[in-house]
Protein backbone atom coordinates (compact mmCIF):
# COMPACT_ATOMS: atom_id res chain seq x y z
CA MET A 1 -16.19 -9.78 8.95
CA PHE A 2 -15.64 -12.33 11.57
CA TYR A 3 -13.20 -13.77 7.88
CA TYR A 4 -11.57 -10.58 8.32
CA PHE A 5 -11.10 -10.89 11.64
CA ILE A 6 -9.65 -14.85 12.22
CA ARG A 7 -7.21 -13.92 9.11
CA PRO A 8 -4.51 -12.60 10.82
CA VAL A 9 -5.23 -13.50 14.06
CA ALA A 10 -4.46 -17.07 12.71
CA ARG A 11 -1.26 -15.84 11.12
CA PHE A 12 -0.27 -14.41 14.21
CA ILE A 13 -0.94 -18.09 15.43
CA VAL A 14 1.10 -19.44 12.80
CA TRP A 15 3.78 -17.18 12.97
CA VAL A 16 4.34 -17.89 16.83
CA LEU A 17 4.26 -21.23 16.59
CA ASN A 18 6.38 -22.26 13.05
CA GLY A 19 7.32 -18.76 11.15
CA HIS A 20 8.54 -19.98 7.96
CA LEU A 21 5.45 -20.06 5.84
CA HIS A 22 6.23 -20.34 2.31
CA VAL A 23 3.92 -19.80 -0.37
CA ASN A 24 5.20 -20.45 -4.00
CA HIS A 25 3.98 -19.61 -7.19
CA GLN A 26 1.06 -17.87 -6.12
CA ASP A 27 1.22 -15.70 -9.61
CA ARG A 28 -0.31 -18.95 -11.02
CA ILE A 29 -3.47 -18.42 -9.24
CA PRO A 30 -6.31 -16.99 -11.76
CA SER A 31 -7.93 -13.68 -11.02
CA GLY A 32 -11.76 -13.73 -10.12
CA ASN A 33 -13.17 -17.39 -8.22
CA TYR A 34 -11.87 -20.68 -8.53
CA ILE A 35 -11.87 -24.46 -6.44
CA LEU A 36 -8.40 -24.84 -4.99
CA ALA A 37 -8.03 -28.66 -4.44
CA ALA A 38 -4.92 -30.26 -2.94
CA PRO A 39 -4.32 -33.68 -1.22
CA HIS A 40 -5.02 -33.97 2.23
CA ARG A 41 -1.83 -34.55 3.88
CA THR A 42 -3.21 -32.79 7.85
CA TRP A 43 -5.50 -30.89 9.78
CA TRP A 44 -4.45 -28.00 9.37
CA GLU A 45 -3.58 -27.24 5.67
CA PRO A 46 -6.78 -25.28 5.18
CA ILE A 47 -5.89 -23.15 7.26
CA LEU A 48 -3.10 -22.71 5.76
CA PHE A 49 -3.86 -22.95 2.20
CA ALA A 50 -5.99 -19.59 3.03
CA LEU A 51 -3.37 -17.19 4.13
CA ALA A 52 -1.18 -18.86 1.11
CA ALA A 53 -3.77 -17.39 -1.64
CA SER A 54 -4.84 -13.85 0.80
CA PRO A 55 -7.12 -12.10 0.17
CA LYS A 56 -9.07 -13.94 -1.29
CA GLU A 57 -11.77 -15.34 1.03
CA PHE A 58 -12.92 -19.10 1.04
CA MET A 59 -16.10 -21.24 1.74
CA PHE A 60 -14.48 -25.08 3.25
CA MET A 61 -16.49 -28.16 3.14
CA ALA A 62 -16.19 -29.85 7.26
CA LYS A 63 -17.08 -33.30 8.43
CA ARG A 64 -21.01 -32.50 9.82
CA GLU A 65 -20.33 -34.11 13.47
CA LEU A 66 -17.81 -30.60 13.84
CA PHE A 67 -20.88 -29.17 13.67
CA LYS A 68 -22.26 -29.86 17.34
CA ASN A 69 -19.91 -28.55 19.39
CA PRO A 70 -21.07 -25.04 19.39
CA PHE A 71 -17.61 -23.48 20.11
CA LEU A 72 -16.83 -24.82 17.12
CA ARG A 73 -19.66 -24.31 15.41
CA PHE A 74 -20.37 -20.89 15.94
CA ILE A 75 -16.20 -20.53 14.21
CA LEU A 76 -16.46 -22.82 11.74
CA THR A 77 -20.37 -21.09 9.78
CA HIS A 78 -18.24 -17.50 10.79
CA ALA A 79 -15.47 -18.73 8.64
CA HIS A 80 -17.43 -19.85 5.82
CA ALA A 81 -17.68 -23.46 6.59
CA PHE A 82 -20.46 -26.01 5.93
CA PRO A 83 -21.56 -29.37 6.66
CA VAL A 84 -21.23 -32.17 4.80
CA ASP A 85 -21.96 -35.48 5.59
CA ARG A 86 -19.11 -38.18 4.04
CA ASP A 87 -21.83 -41.02 4.30
CA ASN A 88 -24.42 -39.44 2.36
CA PRO A 89 -23.69 -36.30 0.75
CA GLY A 90 -26.71 -34.89 -0.71
CA PRO A 91 -27.05 -32.32 -2.81
CA SER A 92 -25.71 -29.59 -0.68
CA ALA A 93 -22.55 -30.77 -0.69
CA LEU A 94 -22.11 -29.51 -4.47
CA LYS A 95 -25.21 -26.90 -4.43
CA ILE A 96 -23.46 -24.97 -1.48
CA PRO A 97 -20.22 -24.41 -3.45
CA ILE A 98 -21.56 -24.04 -6.56
CA THR A 99 -23.69 -20.80 -5.42
CA GLY A 100 -21.04 -19.65 -3.79
CA LEU A 101 -18.71 -19.48 -6.67
CA LYS A 102 -21.47 -18.50 -9.21
CA LYS A 103 -22.41 -15.35 -6.88
CA GLY A 104 -18.25 -14.56 -7.06
CA ASN A 105 -18.68 -14.35 -3.26
CA TYR A 106 -15.86 -16.90 -2.66
CA SER A 107 -13.92 -19.56 -3.98
CA LEU A 108 -13.96 -23.33 -1.86
CA ILE A 109 -10.73 -24.77 -0.54
CA ILE A 110 -11.84 -28.59 -1.39
CA PHE A 111 -9.25 -31.91 -1.25
CA PRO A 112 -10.82 -34.22 -3.53
CA SER A 113 -9.66 -37.51 -1.74
CA GLY A 114 -11.85 -36.45 1.41
CA THR A 115 -9.48 -37.90 4.09
CA ARG A 116 -5.48 -37.60 5.21
CA HIS A 117 -5.70 -41.23 4.13
CA SER A 118 -6.87 -42.10 1.13
CA THR A 119 -5.55 -41.33 -2.26
CA GLU A 120 -8.93 -42.42 -4.36
CA LEU A 121 -10.43 -38.90 -5.20
CA LYS A 122 -13.62 -38.90 -5.21
CA GLY A 123 -16.04 -36.63 -7.92
CA GLY A 124 -17.00 -33.64 -6.13
CA ALA A 125 -14.30 -31.18 -6.97
CA ILE A 126 -15.09 -32.01 -10.74
CA ALA A 127 -18.64 -32.06 -10.82
CA ILE A 128 -18.43 -28.74 -8.51
CA ALA A 129 -15.71 -27.02 -11.67
CA LYS A 130 -18.29 -27.95 -13.81
CA LEU A 131 -21.31 -26.76 -12.93
CA SER A 132 -20.15 -24.02 -11.89
CA GLY A 133 -17.54 -22.72 -14.61
CA LYS A 134 -14.96 -21.67 -12.08
CA PRO A 135 -11.52 -23.02 -12.40
CA ILE A 136 -9.41 -25.99 -10.47
CA VAL A 137 -6.20 -25.20 -9.08
CA PRO A 138 -4.16 -27.58 -7.82
CA ALA A 139 -1.99 -26.92 -4.71
CA VAL A 140 0.45 -28.95 -2.09
CA TYR A 141 0.92 -28.85 1.32
CA GLN A 142 4.59 -30.71 1.78
CA GLY A 143 5.85 -29.87 5.79
CA PRO A 144 5.40 -31.05 9.31
CA LEU A 145 2.98 -33.64 9.67
CA THR A 146 2.64 -33.64 13.15
CA PHE A 147 2.44 -31.07 15.51
CA THR A 148 5.62 -31.47 17.33
CA GLY A 149 7.08 -31.18 13.87
CA LEU A 150 5.16 -27.99 13.87
CA LEU A 151 6.59 -26.58 16.77
CA LYS A 152 9.81 -26.92 16.08
CA ARG A 153 9.33 -24.47 13.24
CA GLN A 154 10.20 -26.62 10.44
CA PRO A 155 9.37 -25.26 6.77
CA LEU A 156 5.47 -24.93 6.02
CA GLU A 157 5.55 -25.09 2.20
CA ILE A 158 2.48 -24.13 -0.22
CA CYS A 159 2.97 -24.42 -4.09
CA PHE A 160 -0.02 -23.93 -6.38
CA GLY A 161 0.10 -25.58 -10.37
CA ASP A 162 -1.58 -23.65 -12.93
CA ALA A 163 -5.48 -24.08 -12.95
CA ILE A 164 -7.31 -26.27 -14.82
CA GLN A 165 -10.21 -25.94 -16.73
CA VAL A 166 -13.34 -27.82 -16.93
CA ASP A 167 -15.06 -27.72 -20.26
CA ARG A 168 -19.06 -27.02 -18.81
CA LYS A 169 -20.21 -29.53 -22.12
CA VAL A 170 -17.87 -32.45 -20.79
CA LYS A 171 -20.54 -35.59 -19.97
CA LEU A 172 -19.36 -36.79 -16.12
CA THR A 173 -18.95 -40.22 -17.33
CA ARG A 174 -16.75 -42.33 -15.41
CA GLU A 175 -13.96 -42.57 -18.54
CA ASN A 176 -14.24 -38.79 -18.26
CA GLU A 177 -14.28 -38.40 -14.27
CA GLN A 178 -11.04 -40.78 -14.50
CA SER A 179 -8.93 -38.66 -16.94
CA LEU A 180 -9.73 -35.76 -14.98
CA ASP A 181 -9.14 -36.94 -12.38
CA GLU A 182 -5.41 -38.19 -13.01
CA GLN A 183 -5.02 -35.10 -14.81
CA MET A 184 -5.16 -33.30 -11.38
CA GLN A 185 -3.32 -36.07 -9.55
CA ASN A 186 -0.10 -35.66 -12.16
CA ALA A 187 -0.63 -31.71 -11.65
CA TRP A 188 0.27 -32.67 -7.36
CA ALA A 189 3.08 -35.20 -8.20
CA GLN A 190 4.22 -32.67 -10.71
CA LEU A 191 3.75 -29.67 -7.64
CA ASP A 192 5.76 -31.98 -4.86
CA TYR A 193 8.77 -32.68 -7.47
CA GLU A 194 8.86 -29.46 -8.93
CA GLN A 195 8.83 -27.86 -4.84
CA ASP A 196 10.76 -30.94 -3.98
CA PRO A 197 11.97 -33.57 -5.68
CA ASP A 198 13.24 -36.12 -2.76
CA PHE A 199 9.75 -35.24 -0.89
CA HIS A 200 7.46 -38.08 -0.34
CA TYR A 201 4.67 -38.31 1.58
CA GLN A 202 4.41 -40.32 4.44
CA PRO A 203 0.57 -41.14 6.47
CA LYS A 204 0.85 -39.79 9.60
């Protein structure tokens, strides 16, 4: 119920602050639940991806420290976020999203690189896709990276790619993970080029 309430509120806030959220290739999103995987470029991306892929509901991974604030904890919990210790993720980092995906309740938004300043992919998205049997949908965000740029109403672009299916029979060896990582990186690069050939991400 809270998710249904907060989504139109978030959409209104984005419209007031910027008014230029453009969603590209939403037709590439498969039916059913999936894992939306994107490079992490700014803190408001999860909100934009959730709005762009509406009416699907999503789970989110959020760093454990955010849940120490009671107000944030209430919002995050009711928005289907769950805490993850980045240094020691533990089995719940996989179990919670896999269970949610299998039950058909929610899809998952995940940033495999973990942080906005890292290009190294972690194996979580691939493991979740394999164990849940759900496809990975690559997506990218192009737009302002600072709040000032957001207020200047620079366009917000969300672009979806074709789904990547991880074979449940494939063993997650280092070589296979590297191959799937490269497939995801290439999908992001292709989407960035497709959306804007001159785009180049510069971390702030």
